[in-house]
């Protein structure tokens, strides 16, 4: 892995951190700023929605000006600037604005690496490389769990955010210096996003793409924290340990999925099988709510492991993209994947508010039921799609 890709991997570590760190700051932010889980659910949703909204311009930028400037400048202004704004937050408005800016900054990081993989590496290895990048990035989930909880208790969450702003700026400058843009493609027609949207095959993949990441990202990114606190009265350190276990499961699951499309000779059925199991685990977690904290953590970790099919479904969709629309193609899929999390996370915050006031487990039963039903519907539609086994070169 060259230096540019290494720095993109480090930037993606921070991207994964920023989408998940609110789970362990639930208590500190409520104590210092008076914000509750509903505010943080909205803030988490804003991160995902701003990230998703940027995918269309990011796709155009990758195909037009290349990954170096696209990833470098956006991560500098959004990642570094947004973390700095969070560090001086005085209330919900600051937190929402900071998460919006951080979402913009993180939006090109993974797609820039995917663009380089698709343009400069053997297409048969795309899913493996994508899974490796996501697996490395998921270290950010580890940092956002127990280490972030420990930092919040020792140096304070504001100082921790200032440190993250500094690190983000250094990595962004490194990306601007070291990333090498792939050569421009020669195409008689540059095409547009609408060329991709006119492909019927994608419309059988998009519904699952919209819901595939939400159960994992929403539970790990926020709800595991309030659930363990409200239902089992666990401490910040205990919640950090629980999120750490789930994060480890996500890393192992992502890496394990990477080569399966080549080993089994199918992309569709790898994705289908993994998500059927994830639906079953969500149902099991609903049945076990409130019974035992470590059983809940074990089931959430299993959801993190089996729900890590994101790189394989991206590889499935990518196999149908024209080469000159590679950047717009992968970002289109990411738009639905991350946008789905933003929409569903925002809805989950409303569900929590509407279900609160009685049994402390009731809001989480409702939220998990919402995720399970949505994922099951996406899987049923995806079952109708065409498999992809071809390994033809992209250029």
Protein backbone atom coordinates (compact mmCIF):
# COMPACT_ATOMS: atom_id res chain seq x y z
CA UNK A 1 0.00 0.00 0.00
CA UNK A 2 1.56 3.33 -1.04
CA UNK A 3 1.75 6.37 1.21
CA UNK A 4 -1.32 8.05 -0.29
CA UNK A 5 -3.50 5.00 0.30
CA UNK A 6 -2.07 4.62 3.80
CA UNK A 7 -3.08 8.18 4.63
CA UNK A 8 -6.53 7.61 3.13
CA UNK A 9 -6.79 4.58 5.42
CA UNK A 10 -5.89 6.77 8.42
CA UNK A 11 -8.44 9.35 7.30
CA UNK A 12 -11.01 6.57 7.07
CA UNK A 13 -10.12 5.48 10.61
CA UNK A 14 -11.17 8.98 11.70
CA UNK A 15 -14.28 8.82 9.50
CA UNK A 16 -15.35 5.65 11.29
CA UNK A 17 -14.54 7.28 14.63
CA UNK A 18 -16.67 10.34 13.91
CA UNK A 19 -19.72 8.30 12.96
CA UNK A 20 -19.59 6.29 16.20
CA UNK A 21 -18.10 8.38 19.02
CA UNK A 22 -21.38 9.88 20.21
CA UNK A 23 -22.37 6.55 21.77
CA UNK A 24 -19.84 6.94 24.58
CA UNK A 25 -20.36 10.70 25.04
CA UNK A 26 -24.07 10.36 25.88
CA UNK A 27 -23.55 10.92 29.61
CA UNK A 28 -20.76 13.59 29.42
CA UNK A 29 -22.66 15.68 26.87
CA UNK A 30 -25.88 15.41 28.85
CA UNK A 31 -24.06 16.47 32.02
CA UNK A 32 -22.18 19.41 30.48
CA UNK A 33 -24.57 20.63 27.77
CA UNK A 34 -27.93 19.14 28.77
CA UNK A 35 -28.42 17.26 25.48
CA UNK A 36 -30.20 13.90 25.48
CA UNK A 37 -30.23 10.83 23.22
CA UNK A 38 -32.84 12.37 20.90
CA UNK A 39 -30.53 15.33 20.18
CA UNK A 40 -27.58 13.01 19.62
CA UNK A 41 -29.66 10.77 17.34
CA UNK A 42 -30.45 13.82 15.22
CA UNK A 43 -26.77 14.84 15.26
CA UNK A 44 -25.77 11.33 14.17
CA UNK A 45 -28.40 11.45 11.44
CA UNK A 46 -27.09 14.83 10.28
CA UNK A 47 -23.59 13.35 9.94
CA UNK A 48 -24.87 10.57 7.71
CA UNK A 49 -27.18 12.84 5.69
CA UNK A 50 -24.48 15.45 5.01
CA UNK A 51 -22.06 12.64 4.14
CA UNK A 52 -24.66 11.17 1.75
CA UNK A 53 -25.57 14.52 0.17
CA UNK A 54 -21.91 15.04 -0.73
CA UNK A 55 -21.64 11.76 -2.64
CA UNK A 56 -22.94 13.20 -5.94
CA UNK A 57 -20.46 16.14 -6.04
CA UNK A 58 -17.70 13.87 -4.70
CA UNK A 59 -18.36 11.35 -7.51
CA UNK A 60 -18.14 14.12 -10.10
CA UNK A 61 -14.95 15.44 -8.49
CA UNK A 62 -13.27 12.02 -8.43
CA UNK A 63 -13.94 11.50 -12.13
CA UNK A 64 -13.02 15.10 -13.00
CA UNK A 65 -10.24 16.41 -10.75
CA UNK A 66 -9.11 13.17 -9.09
CA UNK A 67 -8.94 11.82 -5.53
CA UNK A 68 -5.97 13.88 -4.30
CA UNK A 69 -7.63 17.30 -4.16
CA UNK A 70 -11.11 15.89 -3.55
CA UNK A 71 -10.15 13.97 -0.42
CA UNK A 72 -7.41 16.31 0.82
CA UNK A 73 -9.24 19.62 0.84
CA UNK A 74 -12.62 18.33 2.00
CA UNK A 75 -11.09 16.39 4.88
CA UNK A 76 -9.01 19.39 5.91
CA UNK A 77 -11.91 21.86 5.99
CA UNK A 78 -14.65 19.48 7.10
CA UNK A 79 -12.88 16.93 9.27
CA UNK A 80 -10.46 19.27 11.00
CA UNK A 81 -12.78 22.28 11.08
CA UNK A 82 -15.80 20.28 12.22
CA UNK A 83 -13.90 18.62 15.07
CA UNK A 84 -12.69 22.05 16.21
CA UNK A 85 -16.27 23.37 16.17
CA UNK A 86 -17.41 20.38 18.25
CA UNK A 87 -14.67 21.13 20.77
CA UNK A 88 -16.18 24.58 21.49
CA UNK A 89 -19.83 23.42 21.42
CA UNK A 90 -22.23 25.25 23.73
CA UNK A 91 -25.45 23.42 22.88
CA UNK A 92 -27.38 21.34 20.33
CA UNK A 93 -26.94 23.86 17.48
CA UNK A 94 -23.14 23.67 17.76
CA UNK A 95 -23.22 19.87 17.85
CA UNK A 96 -25.52 19.65 14.83
CA UNK A 97 -23.39 22.12 12.83
CA UNK A 98 -20.17 20.33 13.79
CA UNK A 99 -21.53 16.93 12.79
CA UNK A 100 -22.75 18.34 9.47
CA UNK A 101 -19.30 19.77 8.73
CA UNK A 102 -17.53 16.57 9.81
CA UNK A 103 -19.85 14.56 7.55
CA UNK A 104 -18.87 16.74 4.60
CA UNK A 105 -15.19 16.30 5.43
CA UNK A 106 -15.39 12.53 5.72
CA UNK A 107 -17.53 12.07 2.60
CA UNK A 108 -14.74 11.54 0.00
CA UNK A 109 -12.30 9.44 2.01
CA UNK A 110 -13.50 5.86 1.43
CA UNK A 111 -14.71 6.60 -2.09
CA UNK A 112 -11.34 8.05 -3.05
CA UNK A 113 -9.70 4.77 -2.09
CA UNK A 114 -12.43 2.76 -3.88
CA UNK A 115 -11.86 4.89 -6.99
CA UNK A 116 -8.13 4.11 -6.91
CA UNK A 117 -8.81 0.38 -6.37
CA UNK A 118 -11.26 0.29 -9.28
CA UNK A 119 -8.97 2.17 -11.65
CA UNK A 120 -5.53 0.79 -10.79
CA UNK A 121 -5.98 -2.73 -9.36
CA UNK A 122 -7.22 -6.11 -10.61
CA UNK A 123 -11.05 -5.88 -10.58
CA UNK A 124 -11.29 -9.42 -9.22
CA UNK A 125 -9.67 -8.13 -6.02
CA UNK A 126 -11.93 -5.10 -5.57
CA UNK A 127 -14.10 -6.63 -2.80
CA UNK A 128 -11.02 -7.87 -0.93
CA UNK A 129 -9.28 -4.48 -1.12
CA UNK A 130 -12.48 -2.65 -0.21
CA UNK A 131 -13.00 -4.94 2.77
CA UNK A 132 -9.39 -4.46 3.87
CA UNK A 133 -9.79 -0.69 3.74
CA UNK A 134 -13.05 -0.83 5.68
CA UNK A 135 -11.51 -3.29 8.13
CA UNK A 136 -8.60 -0.93 8.77
CA UNK A 137 -10.98 1.99 9.05
CA UNK A 138 -13.11 0.19 11.61
CA UNK A 139 -10.21 0.64 14.02
CA UNK A 140 -11.86 4.05 14.36
CA UNK A 141 -14.78 2.25 15.97
CA UNK A 142 -12.34 0.81 18.50
CA UNK A 143 -10.91 4.24 19.28
CA UNK A 144 -14.41 5.68 19.63
CA UNK A 145 -15.34 3.05 22.20
CA UNK A 146 -13.38 2.48 25.40
CA UNK A 147 -10.40 4.75 24.49
CA UNK A 148 -12.74 7.71 23.82
CA UNK A 149 -14.67 6.99 27.01
CA UNK A 150 -11.36 6.94 28.92
CA UNK A 151 -10.24 10.19 27.26
CA UNK A 152 -13.54 11.86 28.14
CA UNK A 153 -13.08 10.87 31.78
CA UNK A 154 -9.38 11.84 32.04
CA UNK A 155 -8.69 14.88 29.82
CA UNK A 156 -12.28 15.86 29.03
CA UNK A 157 -14.24 15.53 25.82
CA UNK A 158 -13.34 19.04 24.64
CA UNK A 159 -9.57 18.42 24.81
CA UNK A 160 -10.06 15.08 23.09
CA UNK A 161 -11.90 16.81 20.23
CA UNK A 162 -9.14 19.42 19.88
CA UNK A 163 -6.60 16.60 19.54
CA UNK A 164 -8.75 14.96 16.85
CA UNK A 165 -9.01 18.27 14.96
CA UNK A 166 -5.21 18.53 14.92
CA UNK A 167 -4.69 14.95 13.74
CA UNK A 168 -7.32 15.42 11.02
CA UNK A 169 -5.51 18.48 9.69
CA UNK A 170 -2.14 16.71 9.58
CA UNK A 171 -3.58 13.72 7.70
CA UNK A 172 -5.40 15.99 5.23
CA UNK A 173 -2.19 17.84 4.36
CA UNK A 174 -0.46 14.49 3.93
CA UNK A 175 -3.16 13.38 1.48
CA UNK A 176 -2.66 16.54 -0.58
CA UNK A 177 1.06 15.83 -0.81
CA UNK A 178 1.18 12.06 -1.38
CA UNK A 179 -1.94 10.81 -3.23
CA UNK A 180 -1.36 10.10 -6.94
CA UNK A 181 -4.35 10.63 -9.23
CA UNK A 182 -5.06 7.83 -11.75
CA UNK A 183 -4.73 8.77 -15.41
CA UNK A 184 -7.83 10.30 -17.01
CA UNK A 185 -9.95 7.90 -19.05
CA UNK A 186 -10.55 8.43 -22.75
CA UNK A 187 -14.28 8.23 -23.40
CA UNK A 188 -16.24 9.69 -26.32
CA UNK A 189 -19.00 10.56 -23.85
CA UNK A 190 -18.25 11.50 -20.25
CA UNK A 191 -21.75 10.47 -19.28
CA UNK A 192 -23.60 11.44 -16.14
CA UNK A 193 -25.27 10.11 -13.04
CA UNK A 194 -28.48 9.65 -15.06
CA UNK A 195 -26.75 7.03 -17.20
CA UNK A 196 -26.31 4.97 -14.06
CA UNK A 197 -29.85 5.58 -12.84
CA UNK A 198 -31.17 4.28 -16.16
CA UNK A 199 -29.62 0.85 -15.45
CA UNK A 200 -32.45 -1.46 -14.23
CA UNK A 201 -30.01 -3.81 -12.52
CA UNK A 202 -29.07 -1.11 -10.01
CA UNK A 203 -32.67 -0.57 -8.95
CA UNK A 204 -32.80 -4.07 -7.55
CA UNK A 205 -29.60 -3.44 -5.56
CA UNK A 206 -30.42 0.08 -4.31
CA UNK A 207 -33.27 -0.86 -1.89
CA UNK A 208 -30.98 -3.17 0.10
CA UNK A 209 -28.16 -0.65 -0.24
CA UNK A 210 -30.42 1.90 1.47
CA UNK A 211 -30.97 -0.26 4.58
CA UNK A 212 -27.92 -2.55 4.67
CA UNK A 213 -25.66 -0.43 6.88
CA UNK A 214 -28.27 1.14 9.18
CA UNK A 215 -28.65 -1.65 11.78
CA UNK A 216 -24.89 -1.89 12.32
CA UNK A 217 -24.08 1.82 12.07
CA UNK A 218 -27.02 3.05 14.13
CA UNK A 219 -26.60 0.52 16.93
CA UNK A 220 -22.82 0.91 17.16
CA UNK A 221 -22.86 4.62 16.38
CA UNK A 222 -25.36 5.57 19.06
CA UNK A 223 -28.00 3.23 20.47
CA UNK A 224 -25.74 0.70 22.18
CA UNK A 225 -24.75 3.46 24.63
CA UNK A 226 -28.20 4.70 25.72
CA UNK A 227 -29.54 1.12 25.73
CA UNK A 228 -26.87 -0.20 28.10
CA UNK A 229 -27.23 2.88 30.31
CA UNK A 230 -31.04 3.07 30.44
CA UNK A 231 -31.83 -0.64 30.67
CA UNK A 232 -28.85 -1.97 32.68
CA UNK A 233 -27.47 1.22 34.31
CA UNK A 234 -23.97 0.51 33.00
CA UNK A 235 -21.19 3.07 33.54
CA UNK A 236 -19.37 5.02 30.81
CA UNK A 237 -16.40 2.66 31.12
CA UNK A 238 -18.64 -0.44 30.88
CA UNK A 239 -20.42 1.01 27.84
CA UNK A 240 -17.01 1.72 26.32
CA UNK A 241 -16.06 -1.91 26.83
CA UNK A 242 -19.31 -3.08 25.22
CA UNK A 243 -18.81 -0.87 22.18
CA UNK A 244 -15.21 -2.10 21.97
CA UNK A 245 -16.41 -5.72 21.70
CA UNK A 246 -18.91 -4.83 18.99
CA UNK A 247 -16.26 -2.85 17.10
CA UNK A 248 -13.88 -5.81 17.12
CA UNK A 249 -16.63 -8.02 15.71
CA UNK A 250 -17.23 -5.50 12.91
CA UNK A 251 -13.55 -5.50 11.97
CA UNK A 252 -13.33 -9.29 11.86
CA UNK A 253 -16.60 -9.56 9.93
CA UNK A 254 -15.58 -7.00 7.32
CA UNK A 255 -12.25 -8.68 6.63
CA UNK A 256 -13.87 -12.13 6.57
CA UNK A 257 -16.38 -11.06 3.92
CA UNK A 258 -13.71 -9.55 1.64
CA UNK A 259 -12.54 -12.67 -0.27
CA UNK A 260 -15.82 -14.63 -0.09
CA UNK A 261 -17.05 -13.52 -3.53
CA UNK A 262 -13.93 -15.08 -5.09
CA UNK A 263 -13.95 -18.16 -2.85
CA UNK A 264 -17.65 -18.94 -3.38
CA UNK A 265 -17.93 -17.58 -6.92
CA UNK A 266 -20.88 -15.32 -6.10
CA UNK A 267 -21.46 -11.83 -4.80
CA UNK A 268 -25.24 -11.84 -4.61
CA UNK A 269 -25.60 -14.85 -2.34
CA UNK A 270 -22.82 -13.74 0.00
CA UNK A 271 -24.72 -10.48 0.56
CA UNK A 272 -28.11 -12.22 0.73
CA UNK A 273 -26.99 -14.85 3.25
CA UNK A 274 -25.22 -12.40 5.53
CA UNK A 275 -28.23 -10.13 5.75
CA UNK A 276 -30.72 -12.93 6.33
CA UNK A 277 -28.61 -13.91 9.34
CA UNK A 278 -28.51 -10.26 10.46
CA UNK A 279 -32.32 -10.04 10.38
CA UNK A 280 -32.52 -13.21 12.50
CA UNK A 281 -30.04 -11.73 15.01
CA UNK A 282 -32.05 -8.51 15.27
CA UNK A 283 -35.13 -10.57 16.08
CA UNK A 284 -33.14 -12.52 18.68
CA UNK A 285 -31.93 -9.26 20.26
CA UNK A 286 -35.50 -7.99 20.46
CA UNK A 287 -36.48 -11.19 22.25
CA UNK A 288 -33.57 -10.87 24.68
CA UNK A 289 -33.97 -7.16 25.50
CA UNK A 290 -33.60 -6.43 29.18
CA UNK A 291 -32.56 -9.95 30.18
CA UNK A 292 -28.76 -9.73 30.42
CA UNK A 293 -26.35 -6.96 29.39
CA UNK A 294 -23.61 -9.26 28.11
CA UNK A 295 -26.07 -11.33 26.08
CA UNK A 296 -27.23 -8.09 24.47
CA UNK A 297 -23.63 -7.08 23.75
CA UNK A 298 -22.93 -10.55 22.28
CA UNK A 299 -25.97 -10.30 19.98
CA UNK A 300 -25.05 -6.75 18.93
CA UNK A 301 -21.53 -7.94 18.19
CA UNK A 302 -22.91 -10.78 16.06
CA UNK A 303 -25.00 -8.21 14.17
CA UNK A 304 -21.79 -6.23 13.64
CA UNK A 305 -20.03 -9.34 12.30
CA UNK A 306 -22.70 -10.74 9.97
CA UNK A 307 -23.97 -7.31 8.92
CA UNK A 308 -20.58 -6.28 7.49
CA UNK A 309 -21.54 -7.02 3.85
CA UNK A 310 -21.07 -3.42 2.67
CA UNK A 311 -17.91 -4.02 0.58
CA UNK A 312 -19.41 -7.04 -1.19
CA UNK A 313 -22.60 -5.25 -2.25
CA UNK A 314 -20.48 -2.32 -3.49
CA UNK A 315 -18.42 -4.82 -5.53
CA UNK A 316 -21.64 -6.35 -6.89
CA UNK A 317 -22.89 -2.96 -8.09
CA UNK A 318 -19.45 -1.83 -9.32
CA UNK A 319 -19.22 -4.74 -11.73
CA UNK A 320 -21.99 -3.11 -13.81
CA UNK A 321 -20.47 0.42 -14.01
CA UNK A 322 -18.84 1.80 -17.20
CA UNK A 323 -15.20 2.65 -16.52
CA UNK A 324 -15.62 6.40 -17.08
CA UNK A 325 -18.40 6.50 -14.49
CA UNK A 326 -16.52 4.58 -11.80
CA UNK A 327 -16.32 7.52 -9.40
CA UNK A 328 -19.95 8.47 -9.83
CA UNK A 329 -20.98 4.82 -9.59
CA UNK A 330 -19.33 3.98 -6.27
CA UNK A 331 -20.44 7.29 -4.76
CA UNK A 332 -24.01 6.73 -5.98
CA UNK A 333 -24.10 3.45 -4.08
CA UNK A 334 -22.53 5.12 -1.07
CA UNK A 335 -25.14 7.87 -1.30
CA UNK A 336 -27.89 5.32 -0.75
CA UNK A 337 -25.91 3.35 1.85
CA UNK A 338 -24.95 6.30 4.02
CA UNK A 339 -28.10 8.29 3.24
CA UNK A 340 -30.14 5.34 4.41
CA UNK A 341 -28.37 5.41 7.76
CA UNK A 342 -29.01 9.16 8.06
CA UNK A 343 -32.72 8.80 7.34
CA UNK A 344 -33.17 5.73 9.52
CA UNK A 345 -31.10 7.12 12.39
CA UNK A 346 -33.19 10.32 12.38
CA UNK A 347 -36.38 8.24 12.39
CA UNK A 348 -35.00 6.10 15.20
CA UNK A 349 -34.58 9.24 17.31
CA UNK A 350 -38.27 10.05 16.81
CA UNK A 351 -39.17 6.46 17.69
CA UNK A 352 -37.16 6.76 20.91
CA UNK A 353 -38.94 9.96 21.87
CA UNK A 354 -42.37 8.54 21.07
CA UNK A 355 -41.74 5.31 23.03
CA UNK A 356 -40.07 6.81 26.10
CA UNK A 357 -41.70 7.27 29.49
CA UNK A 358 -42.62 3.74 30.51
CA UNK A 359 -40.60 0.54 30.32
CA UNK A 360 -36.97 1.63 29.72
CA UNK A 361 -36.55 -1.22 27.21
CA UNK A 362 -39.61 -0.25 25.12
CA UNK A 363 -37.91 2.43 22.95
CA UNK A 364 -35.13 0.00 22.01
CA UNK A 365 -37.58 -2.78 21.16
CA UNK A 366 -39.32 -0.35 18.79
CA UNK A 367 -36.05 0.88 17.24
CA UNK A 368 -34.69 -2.64 16.64
CA UNK A 369 -38.04 -3.76 15.20
CA UNK A 370 -37.89 -0.85 12.75
CA UNK A 371 -34.38 -1.90 11.65
CA UNK A 372 -35.31 -5.59 11.35
CA UNK A 373 -38.41 -4.96 9.20
CA UNK A 374 -36.57 -2.50 6.94
CA UNK A 375 -33.65 -4.87 6.37
CA UNK A 376 -35.98 -7.82 5.71
CA UNK A 377 -37.82 -5.85 2.99
CA UNK A 378 -34.51 -4.86 1.38
CA UNK A 379 -33.31 -8.48 1.35
CA UNK A 380 -36.53 -9.68 -0.31
CA UNK A 381 -36.15 -7.21 -3.17
CA UNK A 382 -32.43 -7.95 -3.53
CA UNK A 383 -33.25 -11.65 -4.01
CA UNK A 384 -34.61 -10.71 -7.46
CA UNK A 385 -31.35 -9.17 -8.70
CA UNK A 386 -28.82 -10.74 -11.06
CA UNK A 387 -25.58 -12.17 -9.71
CA UNK A 388 -22.19 -10.87 -10.83
CA UNK A 389 -19.26 -13.18 -11.35
CA UNK A 390 -17.45 -11.59 -14.29
CA UNK A 391 -13.93 -10.46 -13.63
CA UNK A 392 -13.39 -8.46 -16.81
CA UNK A 393 -10.87 -5.60 -16.57
CA UNK A 394 -12.22 -2.11 -15.99
CA UNK A 395 -9.91 -0.39 -18.44
